[in-house]
Amino acid sequence: MTNPTKRTTIYLDPDLHKALRLKSIDSSKSVSELVNEAVREALAEDAEDLAAFEERKDEIPIPFEEMVKRLKLDGLI
């Protein structure tokens, strides 16, 4: 048995809505499917971020200036 879906109303910027409709046509997916996928991805990223914060909670913070110095020494900036 599939989970029942919930109906909601969202308000989109007109250009965003147009792009979403075009992507829907191009991908053969409904606008609802695309929005559900985007929300799932955003929530998954949030979960990953929270997990990373939890994993690093005991690390000693590095001042911004120190981080910039390290990046310069490593040739990354």
C-alpha atoms as a PDB file:
ATOM      1  CA  MET A   1       0.000   0.000   0.000  1.00  0.00           C
ATOM      2  CA  THR A   2       1.414   3.401  -0.950  1.00  0.00           C
ATOM      3  CA  ASN A   3       1.546   6.321   1.415  1.00  0.00           C
ATOM      4  CA  PRO A   4      -1.234   8.824   0.849  1.00  0.00           C
ATOM      5  CA  THR A   5       0.017  12.150  -0.425  1.00  0.00           C
ATOM      6  CA  LYS A   6      -0.785  15.469   1.219  1.00  0.00           C
ATOM      7  CA  ARG A   7      -1.983  18.439  -0.748  1.00  0.00           C
ATOM      8  CA  THR A   8      -0.445  21.850  -0.062  1.00  0.00           C
ATOM      9  CA  THR A   9      -0.283  25.255  -1.638  1.00  0.00           C
ATOM     10  CA  ILE A  10       3.029  26.916  -2.370  1.00  0.00           C
ATOM     11  CA  TYR A  11       3.718  30.214  -4.071  1.00  0.00           C
ATOM     12  CA  LEU A  12       6.568  30.272  -6.571  1.00  0.00           C
ATOM     13  CA  ASP A  13       8.309  33.106  -8.337  1.00  0.00           C
ATOM     14  CA  PRO A  14       6.826  33.181 -11.881  1.00  0.00           C
ATOM     15  CA  ASP A  15      10.193  32.516 -13.550  1.00  0.00           C
ATOM     16  CA  LEU A  16      10.887  29.631 -11.185  1.00  0.00           C
ATOM     17  CA  HIS A  17       7.450  28.181 -11.898  1.00  0.00           C
ATOM     18  CA  LYS A  18       8.040  28.447 -15.645  1.00  0.00           C
ATOM     19  CA  ALA A  19      11.427  26.725 -15.338  1.00  0.00           C
ATOM     20  CA  LEU A  20       9.858  24.005 -13.210  1.00  0.00           C
ATOM     21  CA  ARG A  21       7.091  23.406 -15.763  1.00  0.00           C
ATOM     22  CA  LEU A  22       9.659  23.214 -18.566  1.00  0.00           C
ATOM     23  CA  LYS A  23      11.777  20.760 -16.591  1.00  0.00           C
ATOM     24  CA  SER A  24       8.642  18.735 -15.914  1.00  0.00           C
ATOM     25  CA  ILE A  25       7.986  18.422 -19.633  1.00  0.00           C
ATOM     26  CA  ASP A  26      11.624  17.675 -20.426  1.00  0.00           C
ATOM     27  CA  SER A  27      11.975  15.027 -17.713  1.00  0.00           C
ATOM     28  CA  SER A  28       8.513  13.479 -18.098  1.00  0.00           C
ATOM     29  CA  LYS A  29       7.968  14.002 -14.374  1.00  0.00           C
ATOM     30  CA  SER A  30       5.182  15.947 -12.755  1.00  0.00           C
ATOM     31  CA  VAL A  31       5.849  19.263 -11.059  1.00  0.00           C
ATOM     32  CA  SER A  32       4.908  17.542  -7.792  1.00  0.00           C
ATOM     33  CA  GLU A  33       7.514  14.825  -8.378  1.00  0.00           C
ATOM     34  CA  LEU A  34      10.195  17.431  -9.051  1.00  0.00           C
ATOM     35  CA  VAL A  35       9.277  19.458  -5.967  1.00  0.00           C
ATOM     36  CA  ASN A  36       9.234  16.313  -3.789  1.00  0.00           C
ATOM     37  CA  GLU A  37      12.673  15.320  -5.105  1.00  0.00           C
ATOM     38  CA  ALA A  38      14.069  18.791  -4.436  1.00  0.00           C
ATOM     39  CA  VAL A  39      12.681  18.855  -0.900  1.00  0.00           C
ATOM     40  CA  ARG A  40      14.050  15.359  -0.186  1.00  0.00           C
ATOM     41  CA  GLU A  41      17.494  16.415  -1.450  1.00  0.00           C
ATOM     42  CA  ALA A  42      17.450  19.592   0.646  1.00  0.00           C
ATOM     43  CA  LEU A  43      16.446  17.675   3.770  1.00  0.00           C
ATOM     44  CA  ALA A  44      19.109  15.027   3.099  1.00  0.00           C
ATOM     45  CA  GLU A  45      21.737  17.777   2.824  1.00  0.00           C
ATOM     46  CA  ASP A  46      20.516  19.222   6.122  1.00  0.00           C
ATOM     47  CA  ALA A  47      20.810  15.788   7.727  1.00  0.00           C
ATOM     48  CA  GLU A  48      24.356  15.420   6.372  1.00  0.00           C
ATOM     49  CA  ASP A  49      25.268  18.869   7.705  1.00  0.00           C
ATOM     50  CA  LEU A  50      23.846  18.061  11.136  1.00  0.00           C
ATOM     51  CA  ALA A  51      25.756  14.777  11.197  1.00  0.00           C
ATOM     52  CA  ALA A  52      28.977  16.594  10.265  1.00  0.00           C
ATOM     53  CA  PHE A  53      28.405  19.175  13.011  1.00  0.00           C
ATOM     54  CA  GLU A  54      27.821  16.394  15.528  1.00  0.00           C
ATOM     55  CA  GLU A  55      30.939  14.554  14.361  1.00  0.00           C
ATOM     56  CA  ARG A  56      33.084  17.686  14.705  1.00  0.00           C
ATOM     57  CA  LYS A  57      31.546  19.126  17.875  1.00  0.00           C
ATOM     58  CA  ASP A  58      34.641  18.368  19.988  1.00  0.00           C
ATOM     59  CA  GLU A  59      37.119  19.984  17.571  1.00  0.00           C
ATOM     60  CA  ILE A  60      38.857  23.123  18.699  1.00  0.00           C
ATOM     61  CA  PRO A  61      37.661  26.085  16.621  1.00  0.00           C
ATOM     62  CA  ILE A  62      40.203  27.787  14.352  1.00  0.00           C
ATOM     63  CA  PRO A  63      40.108  31.584  14.099  1.00  0.00           C
ATOM     64  CA  PHE A  64      39.349  32.865  10.610  1.00  0.00           C
ATOM     65  CA  GLU A  65      42.748  34.539  10.277  1.00  0.00           C
ATOM     66  CA  GLU A  66      44.503  31.265  11.126  1.00  0.00           C
ATOM     67  CA  MET A  67      42.469  29.393   8.532  1.00  0.00           C
ATOM     68  CA  VAL A  68      43.390  31.955   5.868  1.00  0.00           C
ATOM     69  CA  LYS A  69      47.078  31.570   6.780  1.00  0.00           C
ATOM     70  CA  ARG A  70      46.834  27.785   6.491  1.00  0.00           C
ATOM     71  CA  LEU A  71      45.133  28.022   3.104  1.00  0.00           C
ATOM     72  CA  LYS A  72      47.849  30.366   1.853  1.00  0.00           C
ATOM     73  CA  LEU A  73      50.612  28.072   3.128  1.00  0.00           C
ATOM     74  CA  ASP A  74      48.975  25.138   1.396  1.00  0.00           C
ATOM     75  CA  GLY A  75      48.742  27.149  -1.833  1.00  0.00           C
ATOM     76  CA  LEU A  76      44.958  26.888  -1.901  1.00  0.00           C
ATOM     77  CA  ILE A  77      44.430  30.649  -2.054  1.00  0.00           C
END
